[in-house]
Amino acid sequence: MCGADLFYKLVVMPIVTLGALELTTLLAVARLRNEAYGLAIKRDLAARTGRDYSVGALYTTLQRLEDKGLLTSRHSEPLPVRGGRSRRHFTLTGAGARALREAERHAASIWAGIGKPLRPRLA
């Protein structure tokens, strides 16, 4: 290798911080896999959190997660019914899976040292 210079560029992946709705939405997409589209995600969130998020809040969150590179989306073929519309399906990326693992590690670290379920003290 006469005169050839080799350069390596090391890139440090930034730590992605997730809000509560972002985290629960990522988890819903991971759980739903091939069925992760708007209404299914909305139903999953409502069932698990007890909150009925607006469609606007959900799609804003999904877009933000896609902008962060944690999700990708694609449009399906229109549904085979009269007036059927296509669905926007979401898929977890490798970065999204890493963000979920990091969030799980972070939560475990926070809960470390709590041996048994917390019981409030009665005064």
C-alpha atoms as a PDB file:
ATOM      1  CA  MET A   1       0.000   0.000   0.000  1.00  0.00           C
ATOM      2  CA  CYS A   2       2.342   2.653  -1.185  1.00  0.00           C
ATOM      3  CA  GLY A   3       1.039   6.122  -0.508  1.00  0.00           C
ATOM      4  CA  ALA A   4      -2.411   4.907   0.395  1.00  0.00           C
ATOM      5  CA  ASP A   5      -3.858   6.498   3.484  1.00  0.00           C
ATOM      6  CA  LEU A   6      -6.504   4.669   5.393  1.00  0.00           C
ATOM      7  CA  PHE A   7      -8.969   6.659   7.391  1.00  0.00           C
ATOM      8  CA  TYR A   8     -11.445   5.356   9.862  1.00  0.00           C
ATOM      9  CA  LYS A   9     -14.343   7.369  11.031  1.00  0.00           C
ATOM     10  CA  LEU A  10     -15.744   6.351  14.375  1.00  0.00           C
ATOM     11  CA  VAL A  11     -19.270   7.445  14.941  1.00  0.00           C
ATOM     12  CA  VAL A  12     -20.669   7.438  18.428  1.00  0.00           C
ATOM     13  CA  MET A  13     -24.371   6.767  18.380  1.00  0.00           C
ATOM     14  CA  PRO A  14     -26.170   9.435  20.385  1.00  0.00           C
ATOM     15  CA  ILE A  15     -28.299   8.289  23.277  1.00  0.00           C
ATOM     16  CA  VAL A  16     -31.922   8.667  22.296  1.00  0.00           C
ATOM     17  CA  THR A  17     -34.170   9.944  25.026  1.00  0.00           C
ATOM     18  CA  LEU A  18     -37.778   8.917  24.794  1.00  0.00           C
ATOM     19  CA  GLY A  19     -40.828  10.470  26.335  1.00  0.00           C
ATOM     20  CA  ALA A  20     -43.490   8.265  27.900  1.00  0.00           C
ATOM     21  CA  LEU A  21     -45.769   8.330  24.835  1.00  0.00           C
ATOM     22  CA  GLU A  22     -42.816   7.713  22.505  1.00  0.00           C
ATOM     23  CA  LEU A  23     -41.713   4.709  24.551  1.00  0.00           C
ATOM     24  CA  THR A  24     -45.191   3.191  24.778  1.00  0.00           C
ATOM     25  CA  THR A  25     -45.713   3.776  21.048  1.00  0.00           C
ATOM     26  CA  LEU A  26     -42.403   2.081  20.174  1.00  0.00           C
ATOM     27  CA  LEU A  27     -43.365  -0.847  22.398  1.00  0.00           C
ATOM     28  CA  ALA A  28     -46.763  -1.093  20.687  1.00  0.00           C
ATOM     29  CA  VAL A  29     -45.107  -1.201  17.242  1.00  0.00           C
ATOM     30  CA  ALA A  30     -42.701  -3.896  18.468  1.00  0.00           C
ATOM     31  CA  ARG A  31     -45.598  -5.896  19.934  1.00  0.00           C
ATOM     32  CA  LEU A  32     -47.900  -5.575  16.894  1.00  0.00           C
ATOM     33  CA  ARG A  33     -45.169  -6.370  14.332  1.00  0.00           C
ATOM     34  CA  ASN A  34     -46.840  -6.699  10.886  1.00  0.00           C
ATOM     35  CA  GLU A  35     -50.120  -5.299  12.200  1.00  0.00           C
ATOM     36  CA  ALA A  36     -48.628  -2.002  13.404  1.00  0.00           C
ATOM     37  CA  TYR A  37     -50.786   0.633  11.707  1.00  0.00           C
ATOM     38  CA  GLY A  38     -52.477   3.702  13.173  1.00  0.00           C
ATOM     39  CA  LEU A  39     -55.755   2.310  14.517  1.00  0.00           C
ATOM     40  CA  ALA A  40     -54.161  -0.914  15.837  1.00  0.00           C
ATOM     41  CA  ILE A  41     -51.474   1.103  17.635  1.00  0.00           C
ATOM     42  CA  LYS A  42     -54.126   3.444  19.064  1.00  0.00           C
ATOM     43  CA  ARG A  43     -56.131   0.466  20.381  1.00  0.00           C
ATOM     44  CA  ASP A  44     -53.024  -1.149  21.890  1.00  0.00           C
ATOM     45  CA  LEU A  45     -52.079   2.082  23.671  1.00  0.00           C
ATOM     46  CA  ALA A  46     -55.616   2.535  25.010  1.00  0.00           C
ATOM     47  CA  ALA A  47     -55.767  -1.057  26.286  1.00  0.00           C
ATOM     48  CA  ARG A  48     -52.387  -0.883  28.021  1.00  0.00           C
ATOM     49  CA  THR A  49     -52.389   2.681  29.359  1.00  0.00           C
ATOM     50  CA  GLY A  50     -56.085   3.292  29.956  1.00  0.00           C
ATOM     51  CA  ARG A  51     -55.836   6.518  27.956  1.00  0.00           C
ATOM     52  CA  ASP A  52     -57.499   7.283  24.645  1.00  0.00           C
ATOM     53  CA  TYR A  53     -54.887   9.279  22.729  1.00  0.00           C
ATOM     54  CA  SER A  54     -56.096  11.451  19.872  1.00  0.00           C
ATOM     55  CA  VAL A  55     -55.211  10.432  16.331  1.00  0.00           C
ATOM     56  CA  GLY A  56     -53.265  13.683  15.988  1.00  0.00           C
ATOM     57  CA  ALA A  57     -51.138  12.978  19.064  1.00  0.00           C
ATOM     58  CA  LEU A  58     -50.476   9.434  17.869  1.00  0.00           C
ATOM     59  CA  TYR A  59     -49.444  10.378  14.337  1.00  0.00           C
ATOM     60  CA  THR A  60     -47.317  13.273  15.605  1.00  0.00           C
ATOM     61  CA  THR A  61     -45.504  10.814  17.876  1.00  0.00           C
ATOM     62  CA  LEU A  62     -45.109   8.247  15.076  1.00  0.00           C
ATOM     63  CA  GLN A  63     -43.671  10.933  12.774  1.00  0.00           C
ATOM     64  CA  ARG A  64     -41.271  12.104  15.478  1.00  0.00           C
ATOM     65  CA  LEU A  65     -40.073   8.507  16.004  1.00  0.00           C
ATOM     66  CA  GLU A  66     -39.627   8.116  12.256  1.00  0.00           C
ATOM     67  CA  ASP A  67     -37.677  11.399  12.101  1.00  0.00           C
ATOM     68  CA  LYS A  68     -35.394  10.062  14.870  1.00  0.00           C
ATOM     69  CA  GLY A  69     -34.762   6.947  12.756  1.00  0.00           C
ATOM     70  CA  LEU A  70     -36.449   4.603  15.234  1.00  0.00           C
ATOM     71  CA  LEU A  71     -39.307   3.622  12.905  1.00  0.00           C
ATOM     72  CA  THR A  72     -39.911   3.298   9.181  1.00  0.00           C
ATOM     73  CA  SER A  73     -43.279   3.307   7.465  1.00  0.00           C
ATOM     74  CA  ARG A  74     -44.825   2.058   4.262  1.00  0.00           C
ATOM     75  CA  HIS A  75     -48.276   2.218   2.728  1.00  0.00           C
ATOM     76  CA  SER A  76     -50.171  -1.012   2.151  1.00  0.00           C
ATOM     77  CA  GLU A  77     -52.379  -1.819  -0.777  1.00  0.00           C
ATOM     78  CA  PRO A  78     -55.930  -0.489  -0.391  1.00  0.00           C
ATOM     79  CA  LEU A  79     -58.203  -2.785   1.610  1.00  0.00           C
ATOM     80  CA  PRO A  80     -60.240  -5.120  -0.639  1.00  0.00           C
ATOM     81  CA  VAL A  81     -63.582  -3.533   0.222  1.00  0.00           C
ATOM     82  CA  ARG A  82     -65.522  -0.841  -1.529  1.00  0.00           C
ATOM     83  CA  GLY A  83     -63.844   2.468  -0.774  1.00  0.00           C
ATOM     84  CA  GLY A  84     -61.002   0.631   0.961  1.00  0.00           C
ATOM     85  CA  ARG A  85     -58.054   2.778   1.868  1.00  0.00           C
ATOM     86  CA  SER A  86     -54.425   1.910   2.280  1.00  0.00           C
ATOM     87  CA  ARG A  87     -52.877   1.727   5.723  1.00  0.00           C
ATOM     88  CA  ARG A  88     -49.599   3.189   6.856  1.00  0.00           C
ATOM     89  CA  HIS A  89     -47.684   0.352   8.509  1.00  0.00           C
ATOM     90  CA  PHE A  90     -44.810   1.040  10.888  1.00  0.00           C
ATOM     91  CA  THR A  91     -41.725  -1.100  11.493  1.00  0.00           C
ATOM     92  CA  LEU A  92     -39.131  -0.870  14.236  1.00  0.00           C
ATOM     93  CA  THR A  93     -35.610  -0.133  12.940  1.00  0.00           C
ATOM     94  CA  GLY A  94     -32.386  -1.437  14.435  1.00  0.00           C
ATOM     95  CA  ALA A  95     -31.943   1.925  16.161  1.00  0.00           C
ATOM     96  CA  GLY A  96     -35.485   1.601  17.526  1.00  0.00           C
ATOM     97  CA  ALA A  97     -34.748  -1.846  18.953  1.00  0.00           C
ATOM     98  CA  ARG A  98     -31.561  -0.488  20.546  1.00  0.00           C
ATOM     99  CA  ALA A  99     -33.518   2.429  22.042  1.00  0.00           C
ATOM    100  CA  LEU A 100     -35.997  -0.025  23.583  1.00  0.00           C
ATOM    101  CA  ARG A 101     -33.207  -2.158  25.048  1.00  0.00           C
ATOM    102  CA  GLU A 102     -31.557   0.979  26.459  1.00  0.00           C
ATOM    103  CA  ALA A 103     -34.870   2.145  27.978  1.00  0.00           C
ATOM    104  CA  GLU A 104     -35.301  -1.293  29.566  1.00  0.00           C
ATOM    105  CA  ARG A 105     -31.756  -1.188  31.001  1.00  0.00           C
ATOM    106  CA  HIS A 106     -32.355   2.330  32.289  1.00  0.00           C
ATOM    107  CA  ALA A 107     -35.611   1.319  34.009  1.00  0.00           C
ATOM    108  CA  ALA A 108     -33.943  -1.749  35.553  1.00  0.00           C
ATOM    109  CA  SER A 109     -31.140   0.461  36.858  1.00  0.00           C
ATOM    110  CA  ILE A 110     -33.626   2.838  38.437  1.00  0.00           C
ATOM    111  CA  TRP A 111     -35.541  -0.029  40.075  1.00  0.00           C
ATOM    112  CA  ALA A 112     -32.381  -1.824  41.251  1.00  0.00           C
ATOM    113  CA  GLY A 113     -32.266  -2.344  44.985  1.00  0.00           C
ATOM    114  CA  ILE A 114     -36.024  -2.491  45.465  1.00  0.00           C
ATOM    115  CA  GLY A 115     -36.307  -6.080  46.652  1.00  0.00           C
ATOM    116  CA  LYS A 116     -40.040  -6.391  47.143  1.00  0.00           C
ATOM    117  CA  PRO A 117     -43.027  -4.408  45.976  1.00  0.00           C
ATOM    118  CA  LEU A 118     -43.333  -1.047  47.645  1.00  0.00           C
ATOM    119  CA  ARG A 119     -45.985  -0.710  50.293  1.00  0.00           C
ATOM    120  CA  PRO A 120     -47.037   2.717  51.485  1.00  0.00           C
ATOM    121  CA  ARG A 121     -46.544   3.462  55.145  1.00  0.00           C
ATOM    122  CA  LEU A 122     -49.715   4.134  57.020  1.00  0.00           C
ATOM    123  CA  ALA A 123     -49.514   7.223  59.204  1.00  0.00           C
END
